[in-house]
């Protein structure tokens, strides 16, 4: 048994494919196949069941071996990281995936982190919530930042979620809207309004559920460009629904051009902002340090 064999079976299991694993690891498919065969012979059990229709999937015994192999891989990453830190250069990289609407939190945290770790390269990708989770699951990113609700049916297998702040959906209107003078609104107060919506899975779920409970509203447009959404609200062209912890950091809300209003007489939607990471991937020291800055920014915002 050797380390390469463990890395091979982990990569194959991750994609259920020998060919993809071979491509990612820059070796031939036959090399991986023979290595796994030798590994299985040495253990005396079948770790992966290979078939044309389903690729390579773990057997029941294989899942136990893979869990241990993941732990070995995490330890190897820790060893490499420790060696890098001992070199005292602190050169490294940090990859983060996030919903576009949460970029404000990430940028604020970068300032403090960059001052302490100027040689760490940061890469931030804007993606949908499910794409962020998949990036984390496939180890394409170190961790992700999403909004989450247990009401939304999302596959969280292999994912650890840490809520950083709890919030609630509010209605956001222009300061020129007659609704701006109301302390609260009920669904019946806004059904004749025009809606602009952010193109995110949680928001789309909330809007569709709202329409199903009451009636469809007129939609001005749907976009993942938050600046456009904010402009439409500021100019009193439409209203929107949004989590309070996301909206409160945008300038039009801070300066009073957009007014938040509590939505009442509607079932409460539990919603939070939090971190997602893979349960099978070691979080680097850089990740932990950046997350420390991120939590401080979120808690103090």
Protein backbone atom coordinates (compact mmCIF):
# COMPACT_ATOMS: atom_id res chain seq x y z
CA UNK A 1 0.00 0.00 0.00
CA UNK A 2 1.26 3.48 -0.83
CA UNK A 3 0.05 7.09 -0.77
CA UNK A 4 -0.54 7.23 -4.52
CA UNK A 5 -3.02 4.38 -4.32
CA UNK A 6 -5.02 6.23 -1.68
CA UNK A 7 -5.00 9.43 -3.73
CA UNK A 8 -6.11 7.51 -6.81
CA UNK A 9 -9.13 5.90 -5.18
CA UNK A 10 -10.17 9.21 -3.60
CA UNK A 11 -10.05 11.00 -6.96
CA UNK A 12 -11.88 8.21 -8.78
CA UNK A 13 -14.59 8.08 -6.11
CA UNK A 14 -14.99 11.86 -6.25
CA UNK A 15 -15.94 11.81 -9.94
CA UNK A 16 -17.05 8.15 -10.32
CA UNK A 17 -14.69 8.07 -13.29
CA UNK A 18 -11.23 6.65 -13.96
CA UNK A 19 -10.75 8.83 -17.03
CA UNK A 20 -11.51 12.10 -15.20
CA UNK A 21 -9.28 11.07 -12.30
CA UNK A 22 -6.47 10.23 -14.71
CA UNK A 23 -6.83 13.62 -16.40
CA UNK A 24 -6.83 15.50 -13.09
CA UNK A 25 -3.81 13.60 -11.75
CA UNK A 26 -1.87 13.70 -15.05
CA UNK A 27 -1.41 9.94 -15.30
CA UNK A 28 -2.80 7.33 -17.66
CA UNK A 29 -6.10 5.61 -17.02
CA UNK A 30 -4.37 2.23 -17.10
CA UNK A 31 -1.97 3.40 -14.36
CA UNK A 32 -4.88 4.26 -12.08
CA UNK A 33 -6.77 1.06 -12.96
CA UNK A 34 -3.76 -1.18 -12.23
CA UNK A 35 -2.96 0.69 -9.03
CA UNK A 36 -6.50 0.25 -7.71
CA UNK A 37 -6.52 -3.42 -8.70
CA UNK A 38 -3.25 -4.00 -6.78
CA UNK A 39 -4.65 -2.05 -3.83
CA UNK A 40 -7.80 -4.19 -3.74
CA UNK A 41 -5.75 -7.41 -3.99
CA UNK A 42 -3.57 -6.31 -1.09
CA UNK A 43 -6.60 -5.53 1.09
CA UNK A 44 -8.55 -8.57 -0.06
CA UNK A 45 -11.74 -6.54 -0.66
CA UNK A 46 -13.40 -4.74 -3.55
CA UNK A 47 -13.22 -0.98 -2.98
CA UNK A 48 -14.77 0.24 -6.23
CA UNK A 49 -17.42 -1.37 -8.38
CA UNK A 50 -16.71 -0.54 -12.02
CA UNK A 51 -19.36 -0.63 -14.75
CA UNK A 52 -19.92 1.14 -18.05
CA UNK A 53 -23.30 2.51 -17.10
CA UNK A 54 -22.44 3.88 -13.66
CA UNK A 55 -18.68 4.44 -13.79
CA UNK A 56 -16.72 3.57 -10.64
CA UNK A 57 -18.72 3.70 -7.42
CA UNK A 58 -17.68 2.61 -3.90
CA UNK A 59 -18.82 -0.72 -2.53
CA UNK A 60 -20.14 -0.89 1.04
CA UNK A 61 -16.68 -1.97 2.22
CA UNK A 62 -15.12 0.65 -0.05
CA UNK A 63 -16.99 3.49 1.67
CA UNK A 64 -15.27 2.57 4.94
CA UNK A 65 -11.85 2.51 3.25
CA UNK A 66 -12.55 5.78 1.43
CA UNK A 67 -13.46 7.54 4.67
CA UNK A 68 -10.04 6.61 6.03
CA UNK A 69 -8.36 7.55 2.74
CA UNK A 70 -9.94 11.01 2.93
CA UNK A 71 -8.47 11.42 6.40
CA UNK A 72 -5.02 10.45 5.10
CA UNK A 73 -5.37 12.98 2.27
CA UNK A 74 -6.28 15.72 4.76
CA UNK A 75 -3.21 14.87 6.85
CA UNK A 76 -1.00 15.08 3.76
CA UNK A 77 -2.40 18.55 3.05
CA UNK A 78 -1.61 19.54 6.64
CA UNK A 79 1.98 18.31 6.23
CA UNK A 80 2.44 20.33 3.03
CA UNK A 81 0.96 23.40 4.65
CA UNK A 82 3.18 23.05 7.71
CA UNK A 83 6.23 22.81 5.44
CA UNK A 84 5.19 25.98 3.59
CA UNK A 85 4.76 27.86 6.85
CA UNK A 86 8.15 26.67 8.09
CA UNK A 87 9.68 28.18 4.96
CA UNK A 88 8.32 31.48 6.39
CA UNK A 89 7.51 32.87 2.92
CA UNK A 90 3.73 32.60 3.53
CA UNK A 91 3.18 32.28 -0.21
CA UNK A 92 -0.07 30.50 -0.95
CA UNK A 93 -3.51 30.78 -2.44
CA UNK A 94 -7.05 30.92 -1.14
CA UNK A 95 -10.06 30.13 -3.31
CA UNK A 96 -13.54 31.23 -2.26
CA UNK A 97 -16.91 30.78 -3.97
CA UNK A 98 -19.78 33.05 -3.02
CA UNK A 99 -23.18 34.35 -3.97
CA UNK A 100 -22.71 37.71 -5.77
CA UNK A 101 -24.88 39.53 -3.24
CA UNK A 102 -22.47 38.64 -0.43
CA UNK A 103 -19.38 40.19 -2.03
CA UNK A 104 -19.53 43.18 0.33
CA UNK A 105 -18.68 40.97 3.32
CA UNK A 106 -15.82 39.27 1.48
CA UNK A 107 -14.21 42.50 0.28
CA UNK A 108 -14.26 44.06 3.74
CA UNK A 109 -12.52 41.02 5.19
CA UNK A 110 -9.82 41.11 2.51
CA UNK A 111 -8.37 44.40 3.76
CA UNK A 112 -7.33 43.06 7.15
CA UNK A 113 -6.27 39.68 5.80
CA UNK A 114 -4.13 41.22 3.03
CA UNK A 115 -2.31 43.43 5.49
CA UNK A 116 -1.19 40.41 7.51
CA UNK A 117 -0.67 38.04 4.55
CA UNK A 118 0.36 40.11 1.51
CA UNK A 119 1.75 37.14 -0.44
CA UNK A 120 -1.38 35.00 -0.37
CA UNK A 121 -3.26 35.07 -3.66
CA UNK A 122 -7.04 35.31 -3.24
CA UNK A 123 -9.48 34.15 -5.90
CA UNK A 124 -13.20 34.80 -5.44
CA UNK A 125 -15.82 33.33 -7.79
CA UNK A 126 -19.42 34.59 -8.01
CA UNK A 127 -21.80 31.65 -8.40
CA UNK A 128 -25.27 30.41 -7.54
CA UNK A 129 -25.81 28.75 -4.16
CA UNK A 130 -25.90 25.22 -5.61
CA UNK A 131 -22.77 25.94 -7.69
CA UNK A 132 -20.95 27.21 -4.58
CA UNK A 133 -21.85 24.00 -2.74
CA UNK A 134 -20.74 21.86 -5.67
CA UNK A 135 -17.42 23.76 -5.88
CA UNK A 136 -16.85 23.00 -2.19
CA UNK A 137 -17.93 19.37 -2.58
CA UNK A 138 -15.52 18.83 -5.49
CA UNK A 139 -12.67 20.63 -3.64
CA UNK A 140 -12.48 23.28 -6.38
CA UNK A 141 -12.64 25.95 -3.71
CA UNK A 142 -11.52 26.16 -0.09
CA UNK A 143 -14.87 27.27 1.28
CA UNK A 144 -18.00 29.09 0.23
CA UNK A 145 -20.37 31.78 1.49
CA UNK A 146 -24.11 31.35 0.92
CA UNK A 147 -27.53 32.24 2.22
CA UNK A 148 -29.39 29.17 3.41
CA UNK A 149 -32.82 28.10 4.51
CA UNK A 150 -33.96 24.67 5.63
CA UNK A 151 -37.11 25.32 3.58
CA UNK A 152 -35.02 25.10 0.42
CA UNK A 153 -34.31 21.55 -0.70
CA UNK A 154 -30.54 21.57 -1.31
CA UNK A 155 -28.25 18.54 -1.40
CA UNK A 156 -25.85 19.09 1.52
CA UNK A 157 -24.22 15.64 1.45
CA UNK A 158 -20.55 15.91 2.39
CA UNK A 159 -21.00 19.59 3.29
CA UNK A 160 -20.61 21.26 6.68
CA UNK A 161 -22.63 24.46 7.12
CA UNK A 162 -21.87 27.07 9.78
CA UNK A 163 -24.44 29.84 10.20
CA UNK A 164 -22.77 33.18 10.91
CA UNK A 165 -25.83 35.40 11.17
CA UNK A 166 -29.57 34.80 11.26
CA UNK A 167 -31.97 37.09 9.45
CA UNK A 168 -35.39 37.48 7.90
CA UNK A 169 -36.92 38.49 4.62
CA UNK A 170 -38.08 42.09 4.37
CA UNK A 171 -39.79 44.19 1.73
CA UNK A 172 -37.63 46.97 0.24
CA UNK A 173 -39.21 50.03 -1.39
CA UNK A 174 -38.20 53.46 -2.66
CA UNK A 175 -38.36 56.36 -0.22
CA UNK A 176 -40.82 57.89 -2.71
CA UNK A 177 -43.21 54.93 -2.45
CA UNK A 178 -46.41 55.35 -0.38
CA UNK A 179 -45.40 52.06 1.28
CA UNK A 180 -42.31 53.75 2.74
CA UNK A 181 -44.46 55.45 5.37
CA UNK A 182 -45.84 52.16 6.68
CA UNK A 183 -44.08 50.39 9.53
CA UNK A 184 -45.19 46.99 8.29
CA UNK A 185 -46.92 45.52 5.25
CA UNK A 186 -48.99 42.38 4.80
CA UNK A 187 -49.12 40.37 1.55
CA UNK A 188 -52.42 42.02 0.54
CA UNK A 189 -50.77 45.46 0.80
CA UNK A 190 -48.26 44.69 -1.95
CA UNK A 191 -50.00 42.34 -4.40
CA UNK A 192 -50.67 45.24 -6.80
CA UNK A 193 -47.00 46.30 -6.75
CA UNK A 194 -44.40 45.58 -9.44
CA UNK A 195 -41.59 43.31 -8.31
CA UNK A 196 -37.89 43.21 -9.20
CA UNK A 197 -36.14 40.05 -8.07
CA UNK A 198 -32.59 38.93 -7.53
CA UNK A 199 -31.80 35.77 -9.50
CA UNK A 200 -30.82 33.44 -6.68
CA UNK A 201 -32.22 30.04 -5.75
CA UNK A 202 -33.41 31.07 -2.30
CA UNK A 203 -35.01 34.26 -3.59
CA UNK A 204 -36.70 32.52 -6.50
CA UNK A 205 -38.06 29.89 -4.13
CA UNK A 206 -39.42 32.56 -1.79
CA UNK A 207 -41.07 34.52 -4.61
CA UNK A 208 -42.66 31.44 -6.18
CA UNK A 209 -43.94 30.29 -2.78
CA UNK A 210 -45.36 33.80 -2.19
CA UNK A 211 -47.13 33.72 -5.55
CA UNK A 212 -48.55 30.27 -4.82
CA UNK A 213 -49.91 31.39 -1.44
CA UNK A 214 -51.51 34.59 -2.75
CA UNK A 215 -51.35 35.47 -6.43
CA UNK A 216 -48.63 36.26 -9.01
CA UNK A 217 -47.31 39.80 -9.02
CA UNK A 218 -46.10 41.82 -11.99
CA UNK A 219 -42.35 41.38 -12.45
CA UNK A 220 -40.26 44.23 -13.86
CA UNK A 221 -37.21 41.99 -14.33
CA UNK A 222 -35.08 39.32 -12.66
CA UNK A 223 -31.31 39.75 -12.52
CA UNK A 224 -28.16 38.67 -10.71
CA UNK A 225 -26.88 42.24 -11.07
CA UNK A 226 -27.57 43.79 -7.69
CA UNK A 227 -26.80 47.33 -8.88
CA UNK A 228 -29.64 47.08 -11.39
CA UNK A 229 -32.03 45.74 -8.76
CA UNK A 230 -31.14 48.57 -6.38
CA UNK A 231 -31.53 51.20 -9.11
CA UNK A 232 -35.01 49.94 -10.02
CA UNK A 233 -36.09 50.17 -6.37
CA UNK A 234 -34.49 53.60 -5.80
CA UNK A 235 -36.29 55.01 -8.85
CA UNK A 236 -39.61 53.65 -7.53
CA UNK A 237 -40.05 51.33 -10.49
CA UNK A 238 -40.49 48.24 -8.31
CA UNK A 239 -40.17 46.73 -4.85
CA UNK A 240 -38.27 43.61 -3.82
CA UNK A 241 -37.93 40.94 -1.14
CA UNK A 242 -34.48 40.37 0.35
CA UNK A 243 -32.72 39.17 3.52
CA UNK A 244 -32.06 42.06 5.90
CA UNK A 245 -28.42 41.08 6.51
CA UNK A 246 -27.67 41.36 2.78
CA UNK A 247 -29.41 44.66 2.06
CA UNK A 248 -28.31 46.68 5.07
CA UNK A 249 -24.77 47.16 3.71
CA UNK A 250 -25.78 48.67 0.36
CA UNK A 251 -25.41 52.49 0.06
CA UNK A 252 -29.01 53.19 -1.11
CA UNK A 253 -30.29 51.45 2.04
CA UNK A 254 -27.73 53.13 4.29
CA UNK A 255 -28.48 56.63 2.96
CA UNK A 256 -32.25 56.13 3.05
CA UNK A 257 -33.04 56.02 -0.67
CA UNK A 258 -34.39 52.49 -0.12
CA UNK A 259 -36.54 51.71 2.90
CA UNK A 260 -36.82 48.29 4.60
CA UNK A 261 -40.28 47.26 5.79
CA UNK A 262 -41.25 44.25 7.89
CA UNK A 263 -43.51 41.69 6.19
CA UNK A 264 -46.28 40.55 8.56
CA UNK A 265 -49.17 38.07 8.37
CA UNK A 266 -46.93 35.77 6.34
CA UNK A 267 -45.19 32.56 7.52
CA UNK A 268 -41.70 33.23 8.86
CA UNK A 269 -38.88 32.05 6.60
CA UNK A 270 -35.79 30.96 8.52
CA UNK A 271 -32.80 32.28 6.64
CA UNK A 272 -29.12 32.64 7.52
CA UNK A 273 -25.81 33.64 6.04
CA UNK A 274 -23.06 31.11 6.54
CA UNK A 275 -19.97 29.20 5.50
CA UNK A 276 -19.94 25.92 3.63
CA UNK A 277 -16.93 23.61 3.53
CA UNK A 278 -16.25 20.01 2.61
CA UNK A 279 -16.20 17.54 5.48
CA UNK A 280 -13.45 15.69 3.57
CA UNK A 281 -11.08 18.63 2.99
CA UNK A 282 -8.58 20.10 5.41
CA UNK A 283 -9.03 23.84 5.88
CA UNK A 284 -5.68 25.58 5.50
CA UNK A 285 -4.27 28.00 8.03
CA UNK A 286 -4.89 30.80 5.53
CA UNK A 287 -8.55 29.75 5.30
CA UNK A 288 -8.94 29.83 9.07
CA UNK A 289 -7.29 33.25 9.29
CA UNK A 290 -9.43 34.74 6.52
CA UNK A 291 -12.59 33.26 8.07
CA UNK A 292 -11.61 34.97 11.34
CA UNK A 293 -11.60 38.35 9.56
CA UNK A 294 -14.82 37.49 7.74
CA UNK A 295 -16.66 36.60 10.94
CA UNK A 296 -15.52 39.85 12.55
CA UNK A 297 -16.81 41.88 9.61
CA UNK A 298 -20.17 40.10 9.57
CA UNK A 299 -20.71 40.31 13.32
CA UNK A 300 -19.71 44.00 13.42
CA UNK A 301 -21.65 45.06 10.33
